[in-house]
């Protein structure tokens, strides 16, 4: 009985925890979901993905886009382009809806809404057979944009 309980608990934990190594595989929608699950979790733990887990960040985001984000931040852009919100909520993962996924060759686009706000349009590219985020545009409705 104790073994079954332990196995159930372990399965629940593994099922709720994104695994970055396998997150790269699959469709653009799967990559987006796994990325935001990981990224929101890091932020909830007050960890900076750019400095404290850059290795995982690079599994989801192109090097070109990481450099652009860092360059923009040096020039005073304070809003997180990956998650453009000033009203943080750990409930963003539960409210995440991915839609309008369009794949064309080695490029894809997707819309992600975390409830009414924030909302983003993503551009992804396929690098060495792996889908990665290559651009994010804030599409939140006013007054959030």
N, C-alpha and C. Protein backbone atom coordinates (compact mmCIF):
# COMPACT_ATOMS: atom_id res chain seq x y z
N UNK A 1 0.82 -1.19 0.00
CA UNK A 1 0.00 0.00 0.00
C UNK A 1 0.87 1.25 0.00
N UNK A 2 1.92 1.28 0.82
CA UNK A 2 2.82 2.43 0.88
C UNK A 2 3.54 2.63 -0.44
N UNK A 3 3.90 1.51 -1.10
CA UNK A 3 4.58 1.60 -2.39
C UNK A 3 3.68 2.23 -3.44
N UNK A 4 2.41 1.85 -3.44
CA UNK A 4 1.47 2.42 -4.42
C UNK A 4 1.30 3.91 -4.19
N UNK A 5 1.24 4.32 -2.93
CA UNK A 5 1.12 5.73 -2.60
C UNK A 5 2.36 6.49 -3.04
N UNK A 6 3.53 5.93 -2.77
CA UNK A 6 4.78 6.55 -3.17
C UNK A 6 4.87 6.67 -4.68
N UNK A 7 4.49 5.62 -5.39
CA UNK A 7 4.50 5.66 -6.86
C UNK A 7 3.53 6.71 -7.37
N UNK A 8 2.36 6.81 -6.78
CA UNK A 8 1.36 7.80 -7.19
C UNK A 8 1.88 9.21 -6.98
N UNK A 9 2.52 9.44 -5.84
CA UNK A 9 3.07 10.77 -5.55
C UNK A 9 4.18 11.10 -6.54
N UNK A 10 5.07 10.17 -6.80
CA UNK A 10 6.15 10.40 -7.76
C UNK A 10 5.60 10.67 -9.16
N UNK A 11 4.62 9.93 -9.57
CA UNK A 11 4.02 10.14 -10.89
C UNK A 11 3.37 11.50 -10.98
N UNK A 12 2.71 11.91 -9.92
CA UNK A 12 2.07 13.24 -9.92
C UNK A 12 3.11 14.33 -10.02
N UNK A 13 4.20 14.19 -9.27
CA UNK A 13 5.26 15.19 -9.32
C UNK A 13 5.88 15.23 -10.71
N UNK A 14 6.20 14.09 -11.26
CA UNK A 14 6.81 14.05 -12.60
C UNK A 14 5.86 14.57 -13.66
N UNK A 15 4.60 14.32 -13.50
CA UNK A 15 3.62 14.79 -14.48
C UNK A 15 3.42 16.28 -14.45
N UNK A 16 3.67 16.92 -13.31
CA UNK A 16 3.48 18.36 -13.18
C UNK A 16 4.75 19.14 -13.41
N UNK A 17 5.89 18.47 -13.47
CA UNK A 17 7.16 19.15 -13.62
C UNK A 17 7.61 19.07 -15.07
N UNK A 18 7.84 20.24 -15.72
CA UNK A 18 8.32 20.19 -17.09
C UNK A 18 9.74 19.63 -17.13
N UNK A 19 10.01 18.82 -18.11
CA UNK A 19 11.33 18.25 -18.26
C UNK A 19 12.00 18.90 -19.46
N UNK A 20 12.91 19.85 -19.23
CA UNK A 20 13.49 20.62 -20.31
C UNK A 20 14.17 19.79 -21.39
N UNK A 21 14.74 18.66 -21.05
CA UNK A 21 15.44 17.86 -22.05
C UNK A 21 14.48 17.37 -23.13
N UNK A 22 13.28 16.97 -22.76
CA UNK A 22 12.33 16.49 -23.75
C UNK A 22 11.43 17.60 -24.26
N UNK A 23 11.51 18.77 -23.64
CA UNK A 23 10.64 19.88 -24.03
C UNK A 23 10.93 20.34 -25.45
N UNK A 24 12.12 20.09 -25.94
CA UNK A 24 12.50 20.57 -27.25
C UNK A 24 11.77 19.83 -28.36
N UNK A 25 11.43 18.61 -28.12
CA UNK A 25 10.84 17.81 -29.18
C UNK A 25 9.36 18.11 -29.32
N UNK A 26 8.85 17.82 -30.49
CA UNK A 26 7.42 17.98 -30.69
C UNK A 26 7.05 19.22 -31.45
N UNK A 27 5.79 19.56 -31.35
CA UNK A 27 5.22 20.65 -32.11
C UNK A 27 5.59 22.00 -31.49
N UNK A 28 5.42 23.08 -32.27
CA UNK A 28 5.64 24.42 -31.71
C UNK A 28 4.76 24.67 -30.49
N UNK A 29 3.51 24.21 -30.52
CA UNK A 29 2.61 24.42 -29.38
C UNK A 29 3.16 23.74 -28.13
N UNK A 30 3.70 22.55 -28.27
CA UNK A 30 4.26 21.81 -27.13
C UNK A 30 5.47 22.57 -26.57
N UNK A 31 6.31 23.09 -27.45
CA UNK A 31 7.49 23.84 -27.00
C UNK A 31 7.05 25.10 -26.26
N UNK A 32 6.06 25.81 -26.79
CA UNK A 32 5.55 27.03 -26.14
C UNK A 32 5.00 26.70 -24.76
N UNK A 33 4.19 25.66 -24.68
CA UNK A 33 3.61 25.27 -23.39
C UNK A 33 4.70 24.91 -22.39
N UNK A 34 5.65 24.10 -22.80
CA UNK A 34 6.72 23.69 -21.89
C UNK A 34 7.59 24.88 -21.49
N UNK A 35 7.86 25.78 -22.45
CA UNK A 35 8.66 26.95 -22.13
C UNK A 35 7.99 27.80 -21.06
N UNK A 36 6.74 28.16 -21.30
CA UNK A 36 6.07 29.05 -20.34
C UNK A 36 5.83 28.37 -18.99
N UNK A 37 5.60 27.08 -18.97
CA UNK A 37 5.47 26.36 -17.70
C UNK A 37 6.78 26.48 -16.92
N UNK A 38 7.89 26.28 -17.60
CA UNK A 38 9.21 26.39 -16.97
C UNK A 38 9.50 27.84 -16.58
N UNK A 39 9.29 28.77 -17.50
CA UNK A 39 9.65 30.18 -17.27
C UNK A 39 8.83 30.79 -16.13
N UNK A 40 7.55 30.52 -16.10
CA UNK A 40 6.70 31.03 -15.02
C UNK A 40 7.12 30.40 -13.69
N UNK A 41 7.46 29.11 -13.72
CA UNK A 41 7.94 28.45 -12.50
C UNK A 41 9.23 29.07 -11.98
N UNK A 42 10.15 29.39 -12.89
CA UNK A 42 11.40 30.05 -12.49
C UNK A 42 11.11 31.41 -11.86
N UNK A 43 10.23 32.16 -12.48
CA UNK A 43 9.89 33.49 -11.98
C UNK A 43 9.20 33.39 -10.62
N UNK A 44 8.31 32.41 -10.46
CA UNK A 44 7.66 32.20 -9.16
C UNK A 44 8.69 31.93 -8.06
N UNK A 45 9.77 31.25 -8.43
CA UNK A 45 10.84 30.95 -7.46
C UNK A 45 11.84 32.10 -7.34
N UNK A 46 11.53 33.23 -8.02
CA UNK A 46 12.39 34.41 -8.03
C UNK A 46 13.77 34.09 -8.57
N UNK A 47 13.78 33.27 -9.61
CA UNK A 47 15.04 32.92 -10.29
C UNK A 47 15.05 33.62 -11.64
N UNK A 48 16.20 34.19 -11.99
CA UNK A 48 16.37 34.86 -13.27
C UNK A 48 16.84 33.82 -14.29
N UNK A 49 15.98 33.51 -15.24
CA UNK A 49 16.29 32.49 -16.24
C UNK A 49 17.52 32.85 -17.07
N UNK A 50 17.78 34.14 -17.22
CA UNK A 50 18.91 34.58 -18.04
C UNK A 50 20.25 34.39 -17.33
N UNK A 51 20.25 34.44 -16.01
CA UNK A 51 21.51 34.29 -15.30
C UNK A 51 21.61 33.00 -14.49
N UNK A 52 20.47 32.46 -14.03
CA UNK A 52 20.52 31.31 -13.14
C UNK A 52 20.21 29.98 -13.84
N UNK A 53 19.63 30.02 -15.02
CA UNK A 53 19.37 28.77 -15.75
C UNK A 53 19.41 29.03 -17.25
N UNK A 54 20.48 29.65 -17.67
CA UNK A 54 20.64 30.01 -19.08
C UNK A 54 20.65 28.77 -19.99
N UNK A 55 21.16 27.68 -19.48
CA UNK A 55 21.22 26.45 -20.27
C UNK A 55 19.82 26.01 -20.71
N UNK A 56 18.87 26.03 -19.79
CA UNK A 56 17.49 25.67 -20.13
C UNK A 56 16.88 26.73 -21.04
N UNK A 57 17.14 27.99 -20.76
CA UNK A 57 16.63 29.08 -21.62
C UNK A 57 17.03 28.85 -23.07
N UNK A 58 18.27 28.46 -23.29
CA UNK A 58 18.78 28.23 -24.66
C UNK A 58 18.12 27.04 -25.34
N UNK A 59 17.50 26.15 -24.57
CA UNK A 59 16.79 25.03 -25.17
C UNK A 59 15.48 25.47 -25.79
N UNK A 60 14.96 26.61 -25.32
CA UNK A 60 13.67 27.11 -25.78
C UNK A 60 13.74 28.35 -26.66
N UNK A 61 14.78 29.15 -26.49
CA UNK A 61 14.87 30.46 -27.14
C UNK A 61 16.16 30.53 -27.96
N UNK A 62 16.06 31.11 -29.18
CA UNK A 62 17.25 31.21 -30.03
C UNK A 62 18.28 32.15 -29.40
N UNK A 63 19.55 31.90 -29.71
CA UNK A 63 20.63 32.76 -29.22
C UNK A 63 20.44 34.19 -29.72
N UNK A 64 19.97 34.35 -30.95
CA UNK A 64 19.74 35.67 -31.51
C UNK A 64 18.72 36.45 -30.69
N UNK A 65 17.63 35.80 -30.31
CA UNK A 65 16.59 36.48 -29.57
C UNK A 65 17.02 36.77 -28.14
N UNK A 66 17.79 35.88 -27.53
CA UNK A 66 18.33 36.14 -26.19
C UNK A 66 19.19 37.40 -26.22
N UNK A 67 20.05 37.52 -27.23
CA UNK A 67 20.91 38.71 -27.35
C UNK A 67 20.08 39.97 -27.53
N UNK A 68 19.01 39.88 -28.32
CA UNK A 68 18.14 41.05 -28.53
C UNK A 68 17.49 41.48 -27.22
N UNK A 69 16.98 40.52 -26.47
CA UNK A 69 16.34 40.83 -25.19
C UNK A 69 17.33 41.51 -24.25
N UNK A 70 18.54 40.97 -24.17
CA UNK A 70 19.55 41.54 -23.28
C UNK A 70 19.97 42.94 -23.74
N UNK A 71 20.07 43.14 -25.04
CA UNK A 71 20.40 44.46 -25.59
C UNK A 71 19.30 45.47 -25.25
N UNK A 72 18.04 45.06 -25.43
CA UNK A 72 16.91 45.95 -25.12
C UNK A 72 16.89 46.32 -23.64
N UNK A 73 17.18 45.36 -22.77
CA UNK A 73 17.19 45.63 -21.33
C UNK A 73 18.28 46.63 -20.97
N UNK A 74 19.43 46.55 -21.63
CA UNK A 74 20.52 47.50 -21.37
C UNK A 74 20.12 48.92 -21.76
N UNK A 75 19.21 49.02 -22.72
CA UNK A 75 18.78 50.34 -23.18
C UNK A 75 17.51 50.82 -22.48
N UNK A 76 17.17 50.21 -21.36
CA UNK A 76 16.11 50.72 -20.53
C UNK A 76 14.75 50.07 -20.64
N UNK A 77 14.58 49.06 -21.49
CA UNK A 77 13.29 48.36 -21.55
C UNK A 77 13.14 47.52 -20.28
N UNK A 78 12.20 47.91 -19.42
CA UNK A 78 12.06 47.23 -18.13
C UNK A 78 11.02 46.12 -18.15
N UNK A 79 10.10 46.14 -19.11
CA UNK A 79 9.05 45.12 -19.17
C UNK A 79 9.61 43.84 -19.78
N UNK A 80 9.38 42.72 -19.15
CA UNK A 80 9.85 41.43 -19.63
C UNK A 80 9.16 41.11 -20.95
N UNK A 81 9.90 41.07 -22.04
CA UNK A 81 9.29 40.82 -23.35
C UNK A 81 8.70 39.41 -23.44
N UNK A 82 9.26 38.45 -22.73
CA UNK A 82 8.75 37.08 -22.78
C UNK A 82 7.43 36.95 -22.04
N UNK A 83 7.23 37.78 -21.03
CA UNK A 83 6.00 37.76 -20.24
C UNK A 83 5.68 39.20 -19.86
N UNK A 84 5.09 39.96 -20.81
CA UNK A 84 4.90 41.40 -20.61
C UNK A 84 3.76 41.73 -19.65
N UNK A 85 4.07 41.71 -18.38
CA UNK A 85 3.06 42.03 -17.36
C UNK A 85 3.72 42.65 -16.16
N UNK A 86 3.01 43.53 -15.52
CA UNK A 86 3.46 44.09 -14.25
C UNK A 86 2.64 43.49 -13.10
N UNK A 87 1.65 42.71 -13.45
CA UNK A 87 0.77 42.08 -12.45
C UNK A 87 0.98 40.57 -12.51
N UNK A 88 1.98 40.09 -11.78
CA UNK A 88 2.38 38.69 -11.87
C UNK A 88 1.38 37.79 -11.14
N UNK A 89 1.17 36.59 -11.71
CA UNK A 89 0.29 35.61 -11.08
C UNK A 89 0.83 34.21 -11.31
N UNK A 90 0.91 33.43 -10.25
CA UNK A 90 1.34 32.04 -10.42
C UNK A 90 0.27 31.24 -11.15
N UNK A 91 -0.93 31.79 -11.30
CA UNK A 91 -2.02 31.13 -12.02
C UNK A 91 -1.89 31.22 -13.53
N UNK A 92 -0.86 31.90 -14.02
CA UNK A 92 -0.69 32.04 -15.47
C UNK A 92 -0.58 30.69 -16.17
N UNK A 93 0.07 29.73 -15.56
CA UNK A 93 0.22 28.41 -16.20
C UNK A 93 -1.15 27.76 -16.39
N UNK A 94 -1.99 27.83 -15.37
CA UNK A 94 -3.33 27.22 -15.47
C UNK A 94 -4.21 27.93 -16.49
N UNK A 95 -4.03 29.23 -16.64
CA UNK A 95 -4.90 29.99 -17.55
C UNK A 95 -4.35 30.06 -18.97
N UNK A 96 -3.16 29.50 -19.21
CA UNK A 96 -2.51 29.60 -20.52
C UNK A 96 -3.31 28.88 -21.61
N UNK A 97 -3.58 29.60 -22.70
CA UNK A 97 -4.25 29.05 -23.88
C UNK A 97 -3.39 29.36 -25.10
N UNK A 98 -3.03 28.33 -25.83
CA UNK A 98 -2.22 28.49 -27.04
C UNK A 98 -3.14 28.28 -28.22
N UNK A 99 -3.14 29.22 -29.15
CA UNK A 99 -4.03 29.13 -30.31
C UNK A 99 -3.35 29.71 -31.54
N UNK A 100 -4.05 29.62 -32.65
CA UNK A 100 -3.59 30.19 -33.92
C UNK A 100 -2.17 29.74 -34.29
N UNK A 101 -1.89 28.46 -34.06
CA UNK A 101 -0.57 27.93 -34.40
C UNK A 101 -0.53 27.67 -35.90
N UNK A 102 0.43 28.31 -36.55
CA UNK A 102 0.58 28.16 -38.00
C UNK A 102 2.03 27.76 -38.26
N UNK A 103 2.21 26.64 -38.96
CA UNK A 103 3.54 26.15 -39.28
C UNK A 103 3.74 26.23 -40.78
N UNK A 104 4.87 26.80 -41.18
CA UNK A 104 5.23 26.87 -42.59
C UNK A 104 6.71 26.57 -42.74
N UNK A 105 7.04 25.35 -43.09
CA UNK A 105 8.44 24.98 -43.25
C UNK A 105 9.17 25.00 -41.91
N UNK A 106 10.20 25.86 -41.84
CA UNK A 106 11.02 25.96 -40.63
C UNK A 106 10.64 27.15 -39.77
N UNK A 107 9.45 27.69 -39.96
CA UNK A 107 8.97 28.81 -39.16
C UNK A 107 7.55 28.53 -38.69
N UNK A 108 7.20 29.10 -37.56
CA UNK A 108 5.86 28.93 -37.01
C UNK A 108 5.48 30.17 -36.21
N UNK A 109 4.18 30.36 -36.06
CA UNK A 109 3.67 31.43 -35.20
C UNK A 109 2.61 30.84 -34.28
N UNK A 110 2.42 31.49 -33.15
CA UNK A 110 1.41 31.05 -32.20
C UNK A 110 0.96 32.24 -31.36
N UNK A 111 -0.28 32.18 -30.92
CA UNK A 111 -0.82 33.19 -30.01
C UNK A 111 -0.96 32.53 -28.64
N UNK A 112 -0.55 33.24 -27.59
CA UNK A 112 -0.65 32.71 -26.24
C UNK A 112 -1.37 33.75 -25.38
N UNK A 113 -2.43 33.31 -24.72
CA UNK A 113 -3.18 34.17 -23.81
C UNK A 113 -3.15 33.55 -22.43
N UNK A 114 -2.90 34.40 -21.45
CA UNK A 114 -2.92 33.99 -20.05
C UNK A 114 -4.15 34.67 -19.44
N UNK A 115 -5.32 34.14 -19.77
CA UNK A 115 -6.56 34.83 -19.43
C UNK A 115 -6.71 36.01 -20.38
N UNK A 116 -7.24 37.12 -19.88
CA UNK A 116 -7.38 38.32 -20.70
C UNK A 116 -6.05 39.05 -20.85
N UNK A 117 -5.15 38.84 -19.89
CA UNK A 117 -3.90 39.59 -19.86
C UNK A 117 -2.87 38.79 -19.12
N UNK A 118 -1.64 38.72 -19.58
CA UNK A 118 -1.12 39.22 -20.83
C UNK A 118 -1.41 38.29 -22.01
N UNK A 119 -1.16 38.80 -23.21
CA UNK A 119 -1.28 38.03 -24.44
C UNK A 119 -0.07 38.34 -25.31
N UNK A 120 0.44 37.31 -25.99
CA UNK A 120 1.60 37.50 -26.85
C UNK A 120 1.45 36.69 -28.13
N UNK A 121 2.06 37.19 -29.19
CA UNK A 121 2.23 36.42 -30.42
C UNK A 121 3.69 36.02 -30.49
N UNK A 122 3.93 34.75 -30.74
CA UNK A 122 5.30 34.23 -30.79
C UNK A 122 5.67 33.85 -32.22
N UNK A 123 6.94 34.02 -32.52
CA UNK A 123 7.52 33.49 -33.75
C UNK A 123 8.52 32.42 -33.33
N UNK A 124 8.43 31.27 -33.96
CA UNK A 124 9.37 30.19 -33.67
C UNK A 124 10.10 29.81 -34.95
N UNK A 125 11.30 29.31 -34.81
CA UNK A 125 12.06 28.77 -35.93
C UNK A 125 12.57 27.40 -35.55
N UNK A 126 12.80 26.60 -36.56
CA UNK A 126 13.34 25.26 -36.34
C UNK A 126 14.84 25.32 -36.56
N UNK A 127 15.59 25.04 -35.50
CA UNK A 127 17.05 25.02 -35.55
C UNK A 127 17.52 23.60 -35.30
N UNK A 128 18.18 23.01 -36.26
CA UNK A 128 18.68 21.63 -36.14
C UNK A 128 17.58 20.69 -35.69
N UNK A 129 16.39 20.87 -36.25
CA UNK A 129 15.27 20.00 -35.96
C UNK A 129 14.53 20.32 -34.67
N UNK A 130 14.88 21.42 -34.00
CA UNK A 130 14.29 21.79 -32.72
C UNK A 130 13.58 23.13 -32.85
N UNK A 131 12.32 23.20 -32.42
CA UNK A 131 11.57 24.46 -32.43
C UNK A 131 12.04 25.33 -31.28
N UNK A 132 12.33 26.63 -31.59
CA UNK A 132 12.74 27.59 -30.57
C UNK A 132 12.04 28.92 -30.81
N UNK A 133 11.80 29.62 -29.73
CA UNK A 133 11.17 30.95 -29.80
C UNK A 133 12.19 31.93 -30.33
N UNK A 134 11.78 32.71 -31.35
CA UNK A 134 12.68 33.65 -32.00
C UNK A 134 12.14 35.08 -31.97
N UNK A 135 10.95 35.25 -31.41
CA UNK A 135 10.38 36.59 -31.32
C UNK A 135 9.10 36.56 -30.51
N UNK A 136 8.83 37.65 -29.80
CA UNK A 136 7.61 37.78 -29.00
C UNK A 136 7.08 39.20 -29.19
N UNK A 137 5.78 39.29 -29.44
CA UNK A 137 5.13 40.60 -29.59
C UNK A 137 3.97 40.67 -28.61
N UNK A 138 3.94 41.73 -27.82
CA UNK A 138 2.87 41.94 -26.85
C UNK A 138 1.59 42.29 -27.60
N UNK A 139 0.57 41.49 -27.45
CA UNK A 139 -0.72 41.74 -28.10
C UNK A 139 -1.84 41.90 -27.08
N UNK A 140 -1.47 42.23 -25.86
CA UNK A 140 -2.46 42.44 -24.79
C UNK A 140 -3.38 43.60 -25.17
N UNK A 141 -4.65 43.47 -24.83
CA UNK A 141 -5.59 44.56 -25.14
C UNK A 141 -5.31 45.78 -24.25
N UNK A 142 -5.69 46.98 -24.71
CA UNK A 142 -5.55 48.16 -23.85
C UNK A 142 -6.35 47.94 -22.57
N UNK A 143 -5.95 48.43 -21.46
CA UNK A 143 -4.84 49.35 -21.22
C UNK A 143 -3.53 48.65 -20.90
N UNK A 144 -3.44 47.35 -21.16
CA UNK A 144 -2.27 46.56 -20.76
C UNK A 144 -1.11 46.62 -21.75
N UNK A 145 -1.33 47.15 -22.89
CA UNK A 145 -0.32 47.15 -23.94
C UNK A 145 0.53 48.38 -23.87
